Amino acid sequence: MLGIIDKNTVLRKKYEMEKSENKFYRDAHFYSPQEIAELIKQAGFHHFSYLQTLTKSKVIEIEQPQQGFGKGSFVVMKAINN
């Protein structure tokens, strides 16, 4: 499993603008779930599943994860390698 900030989201754009002042994201590279899936497919992984959260522009309460990706800024990917 791995978690990413989807590069196709407003949150990624916010972090990109703050890179110079945020040492955590200064050297970060952002990818889409599709790009990551393609890379790890090449390493032999398969049977992908995705959960996403942070689908709203303002976080006012804990949001339950939803299946898939494309709506949420934070995506957890799971794959099998055997």
PDB file of N, CA and C in Angstrom:
ATOM      1  N   MET A   1       0.841  -1.179   0.000  1.00  0.00           N
ATOM      2  CA  MET A   1       0.000   0.000   0.000  1.00  0.00           C
ATOM      3  C   MET A   1       0.883   1.238   0.000  1.00  0.00           C
ATOM      4  N   LEU A   2       0.367   2.261  -0.659  1.00  0.00           N
ATOM      5  CA  LEU A   2       1.046   3.541  -0.588  1.00  0.00           C
ATOM      6  C   LEU A   2       0.020   4.652  -0.693  1.00  0.00           C
ATOM      7  N   GLY A   3       0.338   5.797  -0.139  1.00  0.00           N
ATOM      8  CA  GLY A   3      -0.545   6.953  -0.181  1.00  0.00           C
ATOM      9  C   GLY A   3       0.123   8.088  -0.933  1.00  0.00           C
ATOM     10  N   ILE A   4      -0.666   8.793  -1.757  1.00  0.00           N
ATOM     11  CA  ILE A   4      -0.120   9.896  -2.539  1.00  0.00           C
ATOM     12  C   ILE A   4      -1.067  11.092  -2.528  1.00  0.00           C
ATOM     13  N   ILE A   5      -0.515  12.262  -2.745  1.00  0.00           N
ATOM     14  CA  ILE A   5      -1.299  13.435  -3.081  1.00  0.00           C
ATOM     15  C   ILE A   5      -1.418  13.414  -4.602  1.00  0.00           C
ATOM     16  N   ASP A   6      -2.636  13.287  -5.113  1.00  0.00           N
ATOM     17  CA  ASP A   6      -2.871  13.202  -6.556  1.00  0.00           C
ATOM     18  C   ASP A   6      -2.442  14.512  -7.219  1.00  0.00           C
ATOM     19  N   LYS A   7      -1.621  14.414  -8.239  1.00  0.00           N
ATOM     20  CA  LYS A   7      -1.093  15.617  -8.899  1.00  0.00           C
ATOM     21  C   LYS A   7      -2.175  16.404  -9.623  1.00  0.00           C
ATOM     22  N   ASN A   8      -3.327  15.802  -9.855  1.00  0.00           N
ATOM     23  CA  ASN A   8      -4.409  16.466 -10.578  1.00  0.00           C
ATOM     24  C   ASN A   8      -5.408  17.139  -9.644  1.00  0.00           C
ATOM     25  N   THR A   9      -4.938  17.616  -8.485  1.00  0.00           N
ATOM     26  CA  THR A   9      -5.850  18.208  -7.506  1.00  0.00           C
ATOM     27  C   THR A   9      -5.399  19.599  -7.079  1.00  0.00           C
ATOM     28  N   VAL A  10      -6.343  20.318  -6.478  1.00  0.00           N
ATOM     29  CA  VAL A  10      -6.068  21.660  -5.966  1.00  0.00           C
ATOM     30  C   VAL A  10      -5.048  21.594  -4.825  1.00  0.00           C
ATOM     31  N   LEU A  11      -5.109  20.558  -3.991  1.00  0.00           N
ATOM     32  CA  LEU A  11      -4.171  20.424  -2.880  1.00  0.00           C
ATOM     33  C   LEU A  11      -2.735  20.350  -3.385  1.00  0.00           C
ATOM     34  N   ARG A  12      -2.498  19.604  -4.452  1.00  0.00           N
ATOM     35  CA  ARG A  12      -1.151  19.537  -5.026  1.00  0.00           C
ATOM     36  C   ARG A  12      -0.709  20.909  -5.491  1.00  0.00           C
ATOM     37  N   LYS A  13      -1.592  21.644  -6.129  1.00  0.00           N
ATOM     38  CA  LYS A  13      -1.242  22.999  -6.581  1.00  0.00           C
ATOM     39  C   LYS A  13      -0.866  23.885  -5.406  1.00  0.00           C
ATOM     40  N   LYS A  14      -1.591  23.763  -4.302  1.00  0.00           N
ATOM     41  CA  LYS A  14      -1.283  24.534  -3.086  1.00  0.00           C
ATOM     42  C   LYS A  14       0.113  24.179  -2.578  1.00  0.00           C
ATOM     43  N   TYR A  15       0.411  22.884  -2.493  1.00  0.00           N
ATOM     44  CA  TYR A  15       1.729  22.462  -2.012  1.00  0.00           C
ATOM     45  C   TYR A  15       2.841  22.893  -2.967  1.00  0.00           C
ATOM     46  N   GLU A  16       2.579  22.863  -4.258  1.00  0.00           N
ATOM     47  CA  GLU A  16       3.581  23.316  -5.235  1.00  0.00           C
ATOM     48  C   GLU A  16       3.932  24.785  -5.000  1.00  0.00           C
ATOM     49  N   MET A  17       2.928  25.614  -4.727  1.00  0.00           N
ATOM     50  CA  MET A  17       3.168  27.043  -4.505  1.00  0.00           C
ATOM     51  C   MET A  17       3.932  27.292  -3.211  1.00  0.00           C
ATOM     52  N   GLU A  18       3.801  26.395  -2.237  1.00  0.00           N
ATOM     53  CA  GLU A  18       4.451  26.561  -0.942  1.00  0.00           C
ATOM     54  C   GLU A  18       5.806  25.859  -0.851  1.00  0.00           C
ATOM     55  N   LYS A  19       6.267  25.237  -1.932  1.00  0.00           N
ATOM     56  CA  LYS A  19       7.490  24.425  -1.884  1.00  0.00           C
ATOM     57  C   LYS A  19       8.684  25.176  -1.289  1.00  0.00           C
ATOM     58  N   SER A  20       8.876  26.416  -1.661  1.00  0.00           N
ATOM     59  CA  SER A  20      10.063  27.145  -1.204  1.00  0.00           C
ATOM     60  C   SER A  20      10.056  27.371   0.301  1.00  0.00           C
ATOM     61  N   GLU A  21       8.890  27.426   0.920  1.00  0.00           N
ATOM     62  CA  GLU A  21       8.821  27.688   2.352  1.00  0.00           C
ATOM     63  C   GLU A  21       8.466  26.456   3.186  1.00  0.00           C
ATOM     64  N   ASN A  22       8.206  25.326   2.560  1.00  0.00           N
ATOM     65  CA  ASN A  22       7.834  24.107   3.273  1.00  0.00           C
ATOM     66  C   ASN A  22       8.875  23.028   3.000  1.00  0.00           C
ATOM     67  N   LYS A  23       9.732  22.763   3.984  1.00  0.00           N
ATOM     68  CA  LYS A  23      10.824  21.811   3.745  1.00  0.00           C
ATOM     69  C   LYS A  23      10.330  20.386   3.496  1.00  0.00           C
ATOM     70  N   PHE A  24       9.115  20.047   3.943  1.00  0.00           N
ATOM     71  CA  PHE A  24       8.588  18.713   3.720  1.00  0.00           C
ATOM     72  C   PHE A  24       8.285  18.487   2.235  1.00  0.00           C
ATOM     73  N   TYR A  25       7.755  19.504   1.556  1.00  0.00           N
ATOM     74  CA  TYR A  25       7.383  19.368   0.150  1.00  0.00           C
ATOM     75  C   TYR A  25       8.393  19.969  -0.813  1.00  0.00           C
ATOM     76  N   ARG A  26       9.462  20.536  -0.296  1.00  0.00           N
ATOM     77  CA  ARG A  26      10.457  21.207  -1.141  1.00  0.00           C
ATOM     78  C   ARG A  26      10.971  20.318  -2.267  1.00  0.00           C
ATOM     79  N   ASP A  27      11.253  19.068  -1.978  1.00  0.00           N
ATOM     80  CA  ASP A  27      11.788  18.148  -2.985  1.00  0.00           C
ATOM     81  C   ASP A  27      10.754  17.132  -3.476  1.00  0.00           C
ATOM     82  N   ALA A  28       9.488  17.391  -3.175  1.00  0.00           N
ATOM     83  CA  ALA A  28       8.434  16.445  -3.543  1.00  0.00           C
ATOM     84  C   ALA A  28       8.170  16.461  -5.045  1.00  0.00           C
ATOM     85  N   HIS A  29       7.823  15.296  -5.550  1.00  0.00           N
ATOM     86  CA  HIS A  29       7.357  15.134  -6.928  1.00  0.00           C
ATOM     87  C   HIS A  29       5.967  14.512  -6.829  1.00  0.00           C
ATOM     88  N   PHE A  30       5.025  15.089  -7.508  1.00  0.00           N
ATOM     89  CA  PHE A  30       3.651  14.615  -7.437  1.00  0.00           C
ATOM     90  C   PHE A  30       3.293  13.849  -8.707  1.00  0.00           C
ATOM     91  N   TYR A  31       2.557  12.755  -8.521  1.00  0.00           N
ATOM     92  CA  TYR A  31       2.156  11.893  -9.621  1.00  0.00           C
ATOM     93  C   TYR A  31       0.664  11.608  -9.523  1.00  0.00           C
ATOM     94  N   SER A  32       0.078  11.223 -10.629  1.00  0.00           N
ATOM     95  CA  SER A  32      -1.321  10.791 -10.619  1.00  0.00           C
ATOM     96  C   SER A  32      -1.365   9.303 -10.253  1.00  0.00           C
ATOM     97  N   PRO A  33      -2.516   8.820  -9.785  1.00  0.00           N
ATOM     98  CA  PRO A  33      -2.629   7.382  -9.516  1.00  0.00           C
ATOM     99  C   PRO A  33      -2.337   6.531 -10.748  1.00  0.00           C
ATOM    100  N   GLN A  34      -2.740   7.014 -11.933  1.00  0.00           N
ATOM    101  CA  GLN A  34      -2.482   6.261 -13.164  1.00  0.00           C
ATOM    102  C   GLN A  34      -0.980   6.146 -13.429  1.00  0.00           C
ATOM    103  N   GLU A  35      -0.236   7.221 -13.200  1.00  0.00           N
ATOM    104  CA  GLU A  35       1.216   7.185 -13.421  1.00  0.00           C
ATOM    105  C   GLU A  35       1.895   6.219 -12.463  1.00  0.00           C
ATOM    106  N   ILE A  36       1.492   6.252 -11.196  1.00  0.00           N
ATOM    107  CA  ILE A  36       2.072   5.332 -10.204  1.00  0.00           C
ATOM    108  C   ILE A  36       1.708   3.893 -10.554  1.00  0.00           C
ATOM    109  N   ALA A  37       0.452   3.660 -10.925  1.00  0.00           N
ATOM    110  CA  ALA A  37       0.035   2.301 -11.284  1.00  0.00           C
ATOM    111  C   ALA A  37       0.865   1.770 -12.445  1.00  0.00           C
ATOM    112  N   GLU A  38       1.112   2.592 -13.434  1.00  0.00           N
ATOM    113  CA  GLU A  38       1.906   2.150 -14.586  1.00  0.00           C
ATOM    114  C   GLU A  38       3.329   1.779 -14.156  1.00  0.00           C
ATOM    115  N   LEU A  39       3.909   2.579 -13.283  1.00  0.00           N
ATOM    116  CA  LEU A  39       5.269   2.288 -12.809  1.00  0.00           C
ATOM    117  C   LEU A  39       5.331   0.983 -12.026  1.00  0.00           C
ATOM    118  N   ILE A  40       4.372   0.778 -11.137  1.00  0.00           N
ATOM    119  CA  ILE A  40       4.469  -0.436 -10.325  1.00  0.00           C
ATOM    120  C   ILE A  40       3.962  -1.675 -11.073  1.00  0.00           C
ATOM    121  N   LYS A  41       3.174  -1.491 -12.130  1.00  0.00           N
ATOM    122  CA  LYS A  41       2.845  -2.626 -13.010  1.00  0.00           C
ATOM    123  C   LYS A  41       4.125  -3.185 -13.629  1.00  0.00           C
ATOM    124  N   GLN A  42       5.019  -2.283 -13.992  1.00  0.00           N
ATOM    125  CA  GLN A  42       6.287  -2.696 -14.589  1.00  0.00           C
ATOM    126  C   GLN A  42       7.141  -3.493 -13.606  1.00  0.00           C
ATOM    127  N   ALA A  43       6.873  -3.330 -12.322  1.00  0.00           N
ATOM    128  CA  ALA A  43       7.593  -4.084 -11.292  1.00  0.00           C
ATOM    129  C   ALA A  43       6.868  -5.376 -10.922  1.00  0.00           C
ATOM    130  N   GLY A  44       5.795  -5.694 -11.642  1.00  0.00           N
ATOM    131  CA  GLY A  44       5.111  -6.964 -11.423  1.00  0.00           C
ATOM    132  C   GLY A  44       3.881  -6.909 -10.537  1.00  0.00           C
ATOM    133  N   PHE A  45       3.418  -5.743 -10.157  1.00  0.00           N
ATOM    134  CA  PHE A  45       2.230  -5.635  -9.310  1.00  0.00           C
ATOM    135  C   PHE A  45       0.965  -5.682 -10.167  1.00  0.00           C
ATOM    136  N   HIS A  46      -0.133  -6.139  -9.552  1.00  0.00           N
ATOM    137  CA  HIS A  46      -1.413  -6.248 -10.239  1.00  0.00           C
ATOM    138  C   HIS A  46      -2.539  -6.190  -9.222  1.00  0.00           C
ATOM    139  N   HIS A  47      -3.770  -6.345  -9.650  1.00  0.00           N
ATOM    140  CA  HIS A  47      -4.958  -6.290  -8.787  1.00  0.00           C
ATOM    141  C   HIS A  47      -4.970  -5.004  -7.947  1.00  0.00           C
ATOM    142  N   PHE A  48      -5.076  -3.888  -8.614  1.00  0.00           N
ATOM    143  CA  PHE A  48      -5.063  -2.589  -7.953  1.00  0.00           C
ATOM    144  C   PHE A  48      -6.421  -2.268  -7.331  1.00  0.00           C
ATOM    145  N   SER A  49      -6.369  -1.610  -6.178  1.00  0.00           N
ATOM    146  CA  SER A  49      -7.573  -1.037  -5.585  1.00  0.00           C
ATOM    147  C   SER A  49      -7.191   0.330  -5.019  1.00  0.00           C
ATOM    148  N   TYR A  50      -8.184   1.219  -4.941  1.00  0.00           N
ATOM    149  CA  TYR A  50      -7.930   2.604  -4.567  1.00  0.00           C
ATOM    150  C   TYR A  50      -8.985   3.090  -3.584  1.00  0.00           C
ATOM    151  N   LEU A  51      -8.560   3.902  -2.645  1.00  0.00           N
ATOM    152  CA  LEU A  51      -9.443   4.644  -1.756  1.00  0.00           C
ATOM    153  C   LEU A  51      -9.004   6.100  -1.810  1.00  0.00           C
ATOM    154  N   GLN A  52      -9.965   7.012  -1.707  1.00  0.00           N
ATOM    155  CA  GLN A  52      -9.638   8.438  -1.753  1.00  0.00           C
ATOM    156  C   GLN A  52     -10.367   9.184  -0.652  1.00  0.00           C
ATOM    157  N   THR A  53      -9.776  10.295  -0.252  1.00  0.00           N
ATOM    158  CA  THR A  53     -10.394  11.179   0.726  1.00  0.00           C
ATOM    159  C   THR A  53      -9.936  12.605   0.430  1.00  0.00           C
ATOM    160  N   LEU A  54     -10.342  13.531   1.246  1.00  0.00           N
ATOM    161  CA  LEU A  54     -10.106  14.965   1.018  1.00  0.00           C
ATOM    162  C   LEU A  54     -10.734  15.385  -0.307  1.00  0.00           C
ATOM    163  N   THR A  55     -12.043  15.140  -0.420  1.00  0.00           N
ATOM    164  CA  THR A  55     -12.766  15.468  -1.642  1.00  0.00           C
ATOM    165  C   THR A  55     -13.359  16.869  -1.627  1.00  0.00           C
ATOM    166  N   LYS A  56     -13.358  17.499  -0.473  1.00  0.00           N
ATOM    167  CA  LYS A  56     -13.941  18.842  -0.358  1.00  0.00           C
ATOM    168  C   LYS A  56     -12.835  19.888  -0.265  1.00  0.00           C
ATOM    169  N   SER A  57     -13.147  21.109  -0.646  1.00  0.00           N
ATOM    170  CA  SER A  57     -12.128  22.168  -0.615  1.00  0.00           C
ATOM    171  C   SER A  57     -11.797  22.608   0.807  1.00  0.00           C
ATOM    172  N   LYS A  58     -12.754  22.495   1.729  1.00  0.00           N
ATOM    173  CA  LYS A  58     -12.506  22.836   3.129  1.00  0.00           C
ATOM    174  C   LYS A  58     -12.775  21.615   3.993  1.00  0.00           C
ATOM    175  N   VAL A  59     -11.826  21.307   4.860  1.00  0.00           N
ATOM    176  CA  VAL A  59     -11.982  20.166   5.761  1.00  0.00           C
ATOM    177  C   VAL A  59     -12.590  20.684   7.061  1.00  0.00           C
ATOM    178  N   ILE A  60     -13.828  20.274   7.337  1.00  0.00           N
ATOM    179  CA  ILE A  60     -14.490  20.696   8.570  1.00  0.00           C
ATOM    180  C   ILE A  60     -14.825  19.505   9.471  1.00  0.00           C
ATOM    181  N   GLU A  61     -14.724  18.309   8.928  1.00  0.00           N
ATOM    182  CA  GLU A  61     -14.939  17.098   9.718  1.00  0.00           C
ATOM    183  C   GLU A  61     -14.202  15.938   9.060  1.00  0.00           C
ATOM    184  N   ILE A  62     -14.042  14.869   9.813  1.00  0.00           N
ATOM    185  CA  ILE A  62     -13.364  13.692   9.279  1.00  0.00           C
ATOM    186  C   ILE A  62     -14.221  13.107   8.160  1.00  0.00           C
ATOM    187  N   GLU A  63     -13.608  12.874   7.038  1.00  0.00           N
ATOM    188  CA  GLU A  63     -14.305  12.370   5.859  1.00  0.00           C
ATOM    189  C   GLU A  63     -14.007  10.884   5.682  1.00  0.00           C
ATOM    190  N   GLN A  64     -15.031  10.105   5.480  1.00  0.00           N
ATOM    191  CA  GLN A  64     -14.853   8.679   5.240  1.00  0.00           C
ATOM    192  C   GLN A  64     -14.274   8.457   3.842  1.00  0.00           C
ATOM    193  N   PRO A  65     -13.317   7.546   3.699  1.00  0.00           N
ATOM    194  CA  PRO A  65     -12.745   7.263   2.378  1.00  0.00           C
ATOM    195  C   PRO A  65     -13.802   6.719   1.417  1.00  0.00           C
ATOM    196  N   GLN A  66     -13.605   7.028   0.141  1.00  0.00           N
ATOM    197  CA  GLN A  66     -14.474   6.538  -0.923  1.00  0.00           C
ATOM    198  C   GLN A  66     -13.650   5.674  -1.870  1.00  0.00           C
ATOM    199  N   GLN A  67     -14.307   4.747  -2.520  1.00  0.00           N
ATOM    200  CA  GLN A  67     -13.640   3.902  -3.512  1.00  0.00           C
ATOM    201  C   GLN A  67     -13.168   4.746  -4.693  1.00  0.00           C
ATOM    202  N   GLY A  68     -12.061   4.329  -5.309  1.00  0.00           N
ATOM    203  CA  GLY A  68     -11.592   4.945  -6.537  1.00  0.00           C
ATOM    204  C   GLY A  68     -10.657   6.119  -6.337  1.00  0.00           C
ATOM    205  N   PHE A  69     -10.507   6.914  -7.394  1.00  0.00           N
ATOM    206  CA  PHE A  69      -9.705   8.132  -7.360  1.00  0.00           C
ATOM    207  C   PHE A  69     -10.279   9.101  -8.379  1.00  0.00           C
ATOM    208  N   GLY A  70      -9.826  10.354  -8.328  1.00  0.00           N
ATOM    209  CA  GLY A  70     -10.313  11.354  -9.264  1.00  0.00           C
ATOM    210  C   GLY A  70     -11.126  12.450  -8.613  1.00  0.00           C
ATOM    211  N   LYS A  71     -11.606  12.213  -7.398  1.00  0.00           N
ATOM    212  CA  LYS A  71     -12.351  13.228  -6.654  1.00  0.00           C
ATOM    213  C   LYS A  71     -11.573  13.702  -5.435  1.00  0.00           C
ATOM    214  N   GLY A  72     -10.772  12.818  -4.848  1.00  0.00           N
ATOM    215  CA  GLY A  72     -10.063  13.137  -3.619  1.00  0.00           C
ATOM    216  C   GLY A  72      -8.615  13.514  -3.863  1.00  0.00           C
ATOM    217  N   SER A  73      -8.104  14.384  -3.004  1.00  0.00           N
ATOM    218  CA  SER A  73      -6.706  14.812  -3.121  1.00  0.00           C
ATOM    219  C   SER A  73      -5.736  13.762  -2.603  1.00  0.00           C
ATOM    220  N   PHE A  74      -6.159  12.973  -1.617  1.00  0.00           N
ATOM    221  CA  PHE A  74      -5.296  11.940  -1.052  1.00  0.00           C
ATOM    222  C   PHE A  74      -5.813  10.579  -1.496  1.00  0.00           C
ATOM    223  N   VAL A  75      -4.928   9.777  -2.089  1.00  0.00           N
ATOM    224  CA  VAL A  75      -5.316   8.463  -2.616  1.00  0.00           C
ATOM    225  C   VAL A  75      -4.416   7.399  -2.018  1.00  0.00           C
ATOM    226  N   VAL A  76      -5.013   6.335  -1.534  1.00  0.00           N
ATOM    227  CA  VAL A  76      -4.283   5.154  -1.072  1.00  0.00           C
ATOM    228  C   VAL A  76      -4.452   4.090  -2.137  1.00  0.00           C
ATOM    229  N   MET A  77      -3.323   3.533  -2.545  1.00  0.00           N
ATOM    230  CA  MET A  77      -3.316   2.492  -3.583  1.00  0.00           C
ATOM    231  C   MET A  77      -2.851   1.187  -2.972  1.00  0.00           C
ATOM    232  N   LYS A  78      -3.499   0.111  -3.367  1.00  0.00           N
ATOM    233  CA  LYS A  78      -3.108  -1.224  -2.924  1.00  0.00           C
ATOM    234  C   LYS A  78      -2.925  -2.090  -4.160  1.00  0.00           C
ATOM    235  N   ALA A  79      -1.867  -2.882  -4.162  1.00  0.00           N
ATOM    236  CA  ALA A  79      -1.608  -3.788  -5.282  1.00  0.00           C
ATOM    237  C   ALA A  79      -0.935  -5.050  -4.732  1.00  0.00           C
ATOM    238  N   ILE A  80      -0.967  -6.093  -5.533  1.00  0.00           N
ATOM    239  CA  ILE A  80      -0.399  -7.390  -5.144  1.00  0.00           C
ATOM    240  C   ILE A  80       0.785  -7.697  -6.062  1.00  0.00           C
ATOM    241  N   ASN A  81       1.831  -8.284  -5.484  1.00  0.00           N
ATOM    242  CA  ASN A  81       2.993  -8.715  -6.264  1.00  0.00           C
ATOM    243  C   ASN A  81       3.332 -10.134  -5.850  1.00  0.00           C
ATOM    244  N   ASN A  82       2.944 -11.094  -6.671  1.00  0.00           N
ATOM    245  CA  ASN A  82       3.311 -12.489  -6.408  1.00  0.00           C
ATOM    246  C   ASN A  82       3.267 -13.310  -7.660  1.00  0.00           C
TER     247      ASN A  82
END
